[in-house]
Each structure stands twice: as C-alpha cells, then as structure tokens.
C-alpha cells in the first residue's frame, strides 16, 4: 500500500532500528512486518543509503539487498555520537520546526518532535540562533486531514463541499467519517448520508469542510482490503480503450487503468477494465471534444448516439417558441 510522506518517513525511521537488530533479514519478512509490498520496501532501501549522520556525504547508511536478504554493513559507524556543524544544526532545526506544524502529524509524534528539537537547540548552543530567523511553511490538504482526524476521534459528522472531476461539479455532502488512508493520495472513507452508501473522498478535492454538532453513526461495515489498490477491477472485466486530449488527462488519474500511453497531441490513450462498460457513456459525454471511446465498437457507437441525442435535445430546447 502506498503511503503519504509522513507515514513513509515514520516507516523508514523504524526500518533503521529493525534492520540493526536483524542482520540479513529476509525481504519478504520485513515487508510483511511493515505492511508494505516488497517493491515498496525495495524503494525505501534505495533511499536509505542517501541518509546518514552527515549532510556533507560522509557516514551514510551502507545498506543493500540481493533481492532476498537485506544487509547493513556499517551499523556501528552510524551509531557513533552525532556532531553537527553550524549550518547542519540550522538546517535540522528549521526542518524540525516546519514538520512540527504539519496538521496531519499525530499528536504523539508532534510532541516527540518538539522534545527532540529542544534537545537539539540546547546542543547547538549559539548555532541555534540563526535558525530562529528562518521558517518553512507547507501548503497541502493538511487542514482537511486535521478536521477529518478530529471528527473521527470525536465521532462527529462532517459537512463537505466536494469536487468531482467526472461530473465537473462541486457538491455538498454530509458524511460520517470511518477512516483515513493513503494510496498515493490521502483519502477518507465515510458513510454518505445523501447516497446512503459507503463512499471514498480524496482530501485534495475537498473545497470546504466543517465539523457538525451531530454525532457520527456510520453502520457497522467490514473494512475493505486496500492492499491491491482503491479500485480493483477483475482481469475478466471487459477492456475499454479511451483516447483523451490534453484537457482530459485527468481521466488517467481518476480511473484505475492498465495502461496510459501519450499521444502526439499531448493527450493519452487509456486502457482500462470495468464490470459495467456502459457506465463510461457518461464519461464520454462529460469529455465532449476532449475525448472519445475507441473500443469496444458497440460502446463507442452507443456513446456517439447518446451525445447526438443530447445535442438534439439541447438544440430543441434552445429554439424560440
């Protein structure tokens, strides 16, 4: 399962301790212990050798893998007391204070970071003074994350104004939040009162959010297994090919697909699978001139007829009485 930056950083910090205590650990065992795929673990291992006790390139983590086991060759060297130059201390303090302001950070982690920052300030002495004149701020869906996280912990209902790219509209919803999770983007799973069904909302598409006084009371639902992704089409589902122009590239982001190939005009040729190909007719109408269904032929013809009928109805309504 993919993770956001905060979860990945937390995992990689824990991974260092885990590997130090388990020389030659098996890749599969470590991946299961951290709840990630082996590919995601290998991706973390590609980053760890760029980390260490010096920003100047020395004392880096010498960690590698042969695909089956993981080896850390210099754990004792890295365990030596850390000594920072003034610029290194300044960079660490500025980064630590910035991360501590992230709304998505768990409160326990925030408190631990504040304590660590205080110790670093004391150790840096006069060098810490320069960091007081610098600051970094983040712009993200962190504010929405914080509101959802609070609503979940307090079991309260949420009001949303949510953007749907497929419909190109902002819609108001009242939802009872169930959980937060990350799969590339950060999502909220919730019970939607309007549709009376479980729905998933991407946090960066929440235009407005407000915690309501009403208590949240979602029905008892079995949590879905998201280890294979948010939407999991079957290999037996019919294949659909869609071509979109530059303005329709969002389709590849919004719809799970098997492939998305660039086209000469800057668009995409997208191949996907769906148990209900007819449901994509509305997508074709939404795209208009920005896209078309290529195959299967019967679905392409059906979408074309729907577009022709819609245009005829529009023109009929527009005629003067």
Protein backbone atom coordinates (compact mmCIF):
# COMPACT_ATOMS: atom_id res chain seq x y z
CA UNK A 1 0.00 0.00 0.00
CA UNK A 2 1.40 3.41 -0.93
CA UNK A 3 1.83 5.92 1.84
CA UNK A 4 1.99 9.66 2.24
CA UNK A 5 5.28 11.40 3.11
CA UNK A 6 4.64 11.42 6.86
CA UNK A 7 3.87 7.67 7.00
CA UNK A 8 6.83 6.82 4.78
CA UNK A 9 9.24 8.85 6.91
CA UNK A 10 7.94 7.21 10.08
CA UNK A 11 8.30 3.78 8.49
CA UNK A 12 11.86 4.41 7.30
CA UNK A 13 12.96 5.60 10.73
CA UNK A 14 11.55 2.41 12.25
CA UNK A 15 13.16 0.39 9.47
CA UNK A 16 16.64 1.53 10.54
CA UNK A 17 16.12 0.19 14.07
CA UNK A 18 14.52 -3.01 12.76
CA UNK A 19 17.40 -3.79 10.39
CA UNK A 20 20.05 -3.03 13.01
CA UNK A 21 18.59 -5.75 15.24
CA UNK A 22 18.12 -8.29 12.40
CA UNK A 23 21.24 -8.69 10.21
CA UNK A 24 20.43 -10.45 6.95
CA UNK A 25 16.66 -10.11 7.40
CA UNK A 26 14.58 -11.57 4.58
CA UNK A 27 12.92 -9.05 2.26
CA UNK A 28 9.55 -10.82 2.47
CA UNK A 29 9.60 -10.94 6.27
CA UNK A 30 10.46 -7.23 6.57
CA UNK A 31 7.77 -6.24 4.04
CA UNK A 32 5.12 -8.18 5.99
CA UNK A 33 6.29 -6.69 9.29
CA UNK A 34 5.82 -3.16 7.94
CA UNK A 35 2.63 -3.84 5.97
CA UNK A 36 4.08 -2.87 2.57
CA UNK A 37 4.80 -4.69 -0.67
CA UNK A 38 8.28 -5.95 -1.43
CA UNK A 39 8.57 -3.36 -4.23
CA UNK A 40 7.76 -0.55 -1.78
CA UNK A 41 10.31 -1.90 0.67
CA UNK A 42 12.99 -2.01 -2.03
CA UNK A 43 12.10 1.59 -2.90
CA UNK A 44 12.72 2.55 0.75
CA UNK A 45 16.03 0.70 0.69
CA UNK A 46 17.06 2.71 -2.38
CA UNK A 47 16.60 5.90 -0.34
CA UNK A 48 18.22 4.83 2.94
CA UNK A 49 21.80 4.78 1.57
CA UNK A 50 21.38 8.51 0.88
CA UNK A 51 20.81 9.10 4.61
CA UNK A 52 23.28 9.22 7.45
CA UNK A 53 24.86 11.28 10.19
CA UNK A 54 26.34 13.97 7.97
CA UNK A 55 24.80 16.31 5.41
CA UNK A 56 28.21 16.50 3.73
CA UNK A 57 28.09 12.98 2.29
CA UNK A 58 30.05 11.00 4.90
CA UNK A 59 28.86 8.35 7.33
CA UNK A 60 25.95 7.30 5.11
CA UNK A 61 23.96 4.12 5.75
CA UNK A 62 25.63 1.26 3.88
CA UNK A 63 22.53 -0.85 3.29
CA UNK A 64 21.93 -3.13 0.31
CA UNK A 65 19.95 -6.20 -0.71
CA UNK A 66 20.40 -9.13 -3.06
CA UNK A 67 16.63 -9.33 -3.52
CA UNK A 68 16.20 -11.98 -0.82
CA UNK A 69 18.04 -10.60 2.22
CA UNK A 70 18.96 -7.15 3.50
CA UNK A 71 22.43 -6.33 4.77
CA UNK A 72 23.58 -3.29 6.77
CA UNK A 73 27.36 -3.16 6.65
CA UNK A 74 28.17 -0.20 8.92
CA UNK A 75 25.65 -0.06 11.81
CA UNK A 76 28.39 0.56 14.39
CA UNK A 77 29.83 3.51 12.46
CA UNK A 78 26.44 5.18 12.24
CA UNK A 79 25.84 4.63 15.95
CA UNK A 80 28.78 6.95 16.82
CA UNK A 81 27.83 10.24 18.57
CA UNK A 82 26.45 12.82 16.15
CA UNK A 83 28.41 16.04 15.66
CA UNK A 84 26.87 18.85 13.63
CA UNK A 85 28.37 21.92 12.04
CA UNK A 86 26.51 25.23 12.47
CA UNK A 87 24.84 25.06 9.05
CA UNK A 88 23.81 21.43 9.64
CA UNK A 89 22.25 22.29 13.01
CA UNK A 90 20.41 25.24 11.44
CA UNK A 91 19.01 23.09 8.62
CA UNK A 92 17.85 20.41 11.07
CA UNK A 93 16.17 22.91 13.39
CA UNK A 94 14.35 24.70 10.56
CA UNK A 95 13.15 21.38 9.12
CA UNK A 96 12.06 20.05 12.52
CA UNK A 97 10.04 23.18 13.34
CA UNK A 98 8.39 23.08 9.91
CA UNK A 99 7.41 19.41 10.22
CA UNK A 100 6.04 20.04 13.72
CA UNK A 101 3.46 22.44 12.22
CA UNK A 102 2.02 19.87 9.79
CA UNK A 103 -1.69 19.36 10.59
CA UNK A 104 -1.52 15.70 9.54
CA UNK A 105 1.09 14.79 12.16
CA UNK A 106 -0.14 12.59 15.01
CA UNK A 107 -0.09 14.45 18.33
CA UNK A 108 2.23 11.94 19.97
CA UNK A 109 4.71 12.28 17.11
CA UNK A 110 4.44 16.08 17.29
CA UNK A 111 5.25 16.09 21.00
CA UNK A 112 8.22 13.76 20.46
CA UNK A 113 9.50 16.03 17.68
CA UNK A 114 9.18 19.13 19.87
CA UNK A 115 11.17 17.41 22.64
CA UNK A 116 13.87 16.34 20.18
CA UNK A 117 14.04 19.87 18.77
CA UNK A 118 14.52 21.32 22.24
CA UNK A 119 17.43 18.93 22.87
CA UNK A 120 18.97 19.85 19.53
CA UNK A 121 18.67 23.56 20.33
CA UNK A 122 20.45 23.03 23.64
CA UNK A 123 23.22 21.02 22.00
CA UNK A 124 23.67 23.50 19.15
CA UNK A 125 24.14 26.46 21.51
CA UNK A 126 24.81 29.72 19.67
CA UNK A 127 24.46 27.97 16.30
CA UNK A 128 20.73 27.57 17.00
CA UNK A 129 20.23 31.32 16.92
CA UNK A 130 20.42 31.55 13.12
CA UNK A 131 17.54 29.09 12.75
CA UNK A 132 15.21 31.47 14.59
CA UNK A 133 15.38 33.85 11.62
CA UNK A 134 14.29 31.20 9.11
CA UNK A 135 10.99 29.44 8.58
CA UNK A 136 9.35 27.00 6.18
CA UNK A 137 5.63 26.57 5.60
CA UNK A 138 3.69 23.83 3.81
CA UNK A 139 0.61 24.15 1.59
CA UNK A 140 -1.34 20.88 1.32
CA UNK A 141 -4.57 19.17 2.29
CA UNK A 142 -3.23 19.08 5.85
CA UNK A 143 -6.03 21.28 7.20
CA UNK A 144 -8.66 18.93 5.80
CA UNK A 145 -6.74 15.96 7.21
CA UNK A 146 -6.74 17.54 10.66
CA UNK A 147 -10.50 18.16 10.57
CA UNK A 148 -11.26 14.62 9.42
CA UNK A 149 -8.89 13.16 12.00
CA UNK A 150 -10.58 15.19 14.72
CA UNK A 151 -14.07 14.21 13.55
CA UNK A 152 -13.11 10.52 13.63
CA UNK A 153 -11.64 10.76 17.13
CA UNK A 154 -14.66 12.72 18.43
CA UNK A 155 -17.20 10.62 16.44
CA UNK A 156 -18.80 13.65 14.80
CA UNK A 157 -20.44 14.22 11.43
CA UNK A 158 -18.80 16.27 8.67
CA UNK A 159 -20.17 18.67 6.07
CA UNK A 160 -18.17 18.79 2.82
CA UNK A 161 -18.14 20.73 -0.38
CA UNK A 162 -16.50 18.19 -2.68
CA UNK A 163 -15.28 18.46 -6.29
CA UNK A 164 -15.99 15.56 -8.65
CA UNK A 165 -13.87 15.69 -11.85
CA UNK A 166 -16.10 13.11 -13.55
CA UNK A 167 -19.13 15.43 -13.14
CA UNK A 168 -17.14 18.68 -13.07
CA UNK A 169 -19.18 19.93 -10.15
CA UNK A 170 -18.97 20.92 -6.52
CA UNK A 171 -21.50 19.07 -4.39
CA UNK A 172 -22.39 19.42 -0.72
CA UNK A 173 -22.32 16.23 1.34
CA UNK A 174 -22.88 15.24 4.95
CA UNK A 175 -20.84 12.21 5.89
CA UNK A 176 -19.98 10.08 8.90
CA UNK A 177 -16.22 9.51 8.63
CA UNK A 178 -14.88 5.96 9.09
CA UNK A 179 -11.13 6.13 8.48
CA UNK A 180 -8.26 7.92 6.75
CA UNK A 181 -5.83 6.08 4.49
CA UNK A 182 -3.18 6.84 1.87
CA UNK A 183 -2.86 5.30 -1.59
CA UNK A 184 -0.73 7.77 -3.48
CA UNK A 185 -3.15 10.48 -2.30
CA UNK A 186 -4.82 10.74 1.10
CA UNK A 187 -8.44 9.58 1.28
CA UNK A 188 -11.32 9.50 3.74
CA UNK A 189 -13.68 6.55 3.77
CA UNK A 190 -17.09 7.61 5.06
CA UNK A 191 -20.81 6.84 5.11
CA UNK A 192 -22.52 9.36 2.81
CA UNK A 193 -25.96 10.35 4.03
CA UNK A 194 -27.06 11.61 0.61
CA UNK A 195 -26.33 8.37 -1.24
CA UNK A 196 -26.88 6.15 1.82
CA UNK A 197 -23.75 4.19 0.95
CA UNK A 198 -20.06 3.97 1.70
CA UNK A 199 -18.05 6.48 -0.31
CA UNK A 200 -14.37 7.43 -0.64
CA UNK A 201 -13.29 11.08 -0.79
CA UNK A 202 -9.88 12.36 -1.88
CA UNK A 203 -8.80 15.06 0.55
CA UNK A 204 -7.26 17.41 -2.02
CA UNK A 205 -10.69 17.61 -3.71
CA UNK A 206 -12.43 18.85 -0.56
CA UNK A 207 -13.08 22.56 -1.22
CA UNK A 208 -14.66 23.24 2.20
CA UNK A 209 -15.10 21.19 5.35
CA UNK A 210 -16.89 21.72 8.65
CA UNK A 211 -17.34 19.54 11.73
CA UNK A 212 -21.01 19.38 12.74
CA UNK A 213 -22.57 19.02 16.17
CA UNK A 214 -24.36 15.80 15.21
CA UNK A 215 -22.77 12.54 16.33
CA UNK A 216 -21.44 10.33 13.57
CA UNK A 217 -23.20 6.97 13.39
CA UNK A 218 -21.94 5.01 10.39
CA UNK A 219 -23.36 1.49 10.09
CA UNK A 220 -21.17 -1.46 11.03
CA UNK A 221 -19.15 -2.13 7.89
CA UNK A 222 -16.35 -4.56 7.17
CA UNK A 223 -13.27 -2.54 6.22
CA UNK A 224 -12.14 -3.21 2.68
CA UNK A 225 -8.73 -4.71 1.95
CA UNK A 226 -6.91 -1.93 0.10
CA UNK A 227 -3.59 -3.74 -0.33
CA UNK A 228 -4.20 -4.08 -4.08
CA UNK A 229 -5.43 -0.53 -4.58
CA UNK A 230 -8.50 1.63 -4.15
CA UNK A 231 -10.44 0.09 -7.03
CA UNK A 232 -9.63 -3.46 -8.05
CA UNK A 233 -11.05 -4.37 -11.47
CA UNK A 234 -11.06 -8.04 -12.34
CA UNK A 235 -8.94 -9.44 -15.16
CA UNK A 236 -12.21 -10.92 -16.50
CA UNK A 237 -13.85 -7.49 -16.83
CA UNK A 238 -14.28 -6.16 -20.39
CA UNK A 239 -11.47 -3.97 -21.72
CA UNK A 240 -12.24 -0.40 -22.79
CA UNK A 241 -9.93 1.94 -24.69
CA UNK A 242 -10.41 5.71 -24.39
CA UNK A 243 -8.48 8.48 -26.13
CA UNK A 244 -8.40 11.89 -24.45
CA UNK A 245 -6.87 15.22 -25.37
CA UNK A 246 -4.60 17.32 -23.14
CA UNK A 247 -7.60 18.63 -21.17
CA UNK A 248 -8.77 15.09 -20.45
CA UNK A 249 -5.57 13.68 -18.95
CA UNK A 250 -7.27 13.76 -15.53
CA UNK A 251 -9.13 10.57 -16.55
CA UNK A 252 -5.94 8.54 -16.01
CA UNK A 253 -5.69 9.93 -12.51
CA UNK A 254 -9.33 9.36 -11.62
CA UNK A 255 -9.94 5.92 -13.19
CA UNK A 256 -7.82 2.82 -12.42
CA UNK A 257 -6.31 1.64 -15.70
CA UNK A 258 -4.00 -0.97 -17.20
CA UNK A 259 -2.02 1.48 -19.32
CA UNK A 260 -1.90 5.14 -20.35
CA UNK A 261 0.16 5.98 -23.43
CA UNK A 262 0.99 9.52 -24.56
CA UNK A 263 -0.43 10.57 -27.91
CA UNK A 264 1.17 13.04 -30.37
CA UNK A 265 -1.32 15.80 -29.47
CA UNK A 266 -0.38 15.71 -25.78
CA UNK A 267 -3.29 13.51 -24.74
CA UNK A 268 -3.47 9.89 -23.62
CA UNK A 269 -4.67 6.55 -24.94
CA UNK A 270 -6.02 4.82 -21.83
CA UNK A 271 -6.81 1.12 -21.49
CA UNK A 272 -8.94 0.09 -18.52
CA UNK A 273 -11.27 -2.64 -17.35
CA UNK A 274 -14.72 -2.25 -15.84
CA UNK A 275 -17.54 -4.68 -14.99
CA UNK A 276 -20.02 -2.16 -16.43
CA UNK A 277 -18.66 -0.57 -19.65
CA UNK A 278 -22.00 1.19 -20.23
CA UNK A 279 -21.25 3.35 -17.16
CA UNK A 280 -18.49 5.04 -19.18
CA UNK A 281 -21.02 6.63 -21.55
CA UNK A 282 -21.47 9.44 -19.05
CA UNK A 283 -17.69 9.91 -19.03
CA UNK A 284 -17.72 10.24 -22.82
CA UNK A 285 -20.47 12.89 -22.59
CA UNK A 286 -18.51 14.70 -19.90
CA UNK A 287 -15.37 14.77 -22.06
CA UNK A 288 -17.13 16.05 -25.18
CA UNK A 289 -14.48 17.03 -27.71
CA UNK A 290 -11.71 16.28 -25.17
CA UNK A 291 -12.09 12.52 -25.56
CA UNK A 292 -13.78 9.54 -27.14
CA UNK A 293 -14.30 5.83 -26.57
CA UNK A 294 -12.32 3.82 -29.14
CA UNK A 295 -13.33 0.29 -28.25
CA UNK A 296 -15.28 -1.89 -27.91
CA UNK A 297 -17.03 -0.64 -31.09
CA UNK A 298 -20.55 -1.15 -29.72
CA UNK A 299 -19.78 1.04 -26.69
CA UNK A 300 -18.21 3.70 -28.92
CA UNK A 301 -21.34 3.74 -31.11
CA UNK A 302 -23.60 3.85 -28.04
CA UNK A 303 -21.67 6.83 -26.65
CA UNK A 304 -21.87 8.60 -30.00
CA UNK A 305 -25.65 8.10 -30.15
CA UNK A 306 -26.01 9.40 -26.58
CA UNK A 307 -24.01 12.50 -27.50
CA UNK A 308 -26.10 13.07 -30.65
CA UNK A 309 -29.37 12.68 -28.72
CA UNK A 310 -28.16 15.06 -26.01
CA UNK A 311 -27.18 17.68 -28.60
CA UNK A 312 -30.52 17.35 -30.39
CA UNK A 313 -32.42 17.79 -27.11
CA UNK A 314 -30.33 20.85 -26.28
CA UNK A 315 -30.96 22.42 -29.69
CA UNK A 316 -34.68 21.68 -29.39
CA UNK A 317 -34.87 23.43 -26.03
CA UNK A 318 -32.98 26.39 -27.43
CA UNK A 319 -35.43 27.07 -30.29
CA UNK A 320 -37.72 30.12 -29.81
CA UNK A 321 -41.38 29.42 -29.15
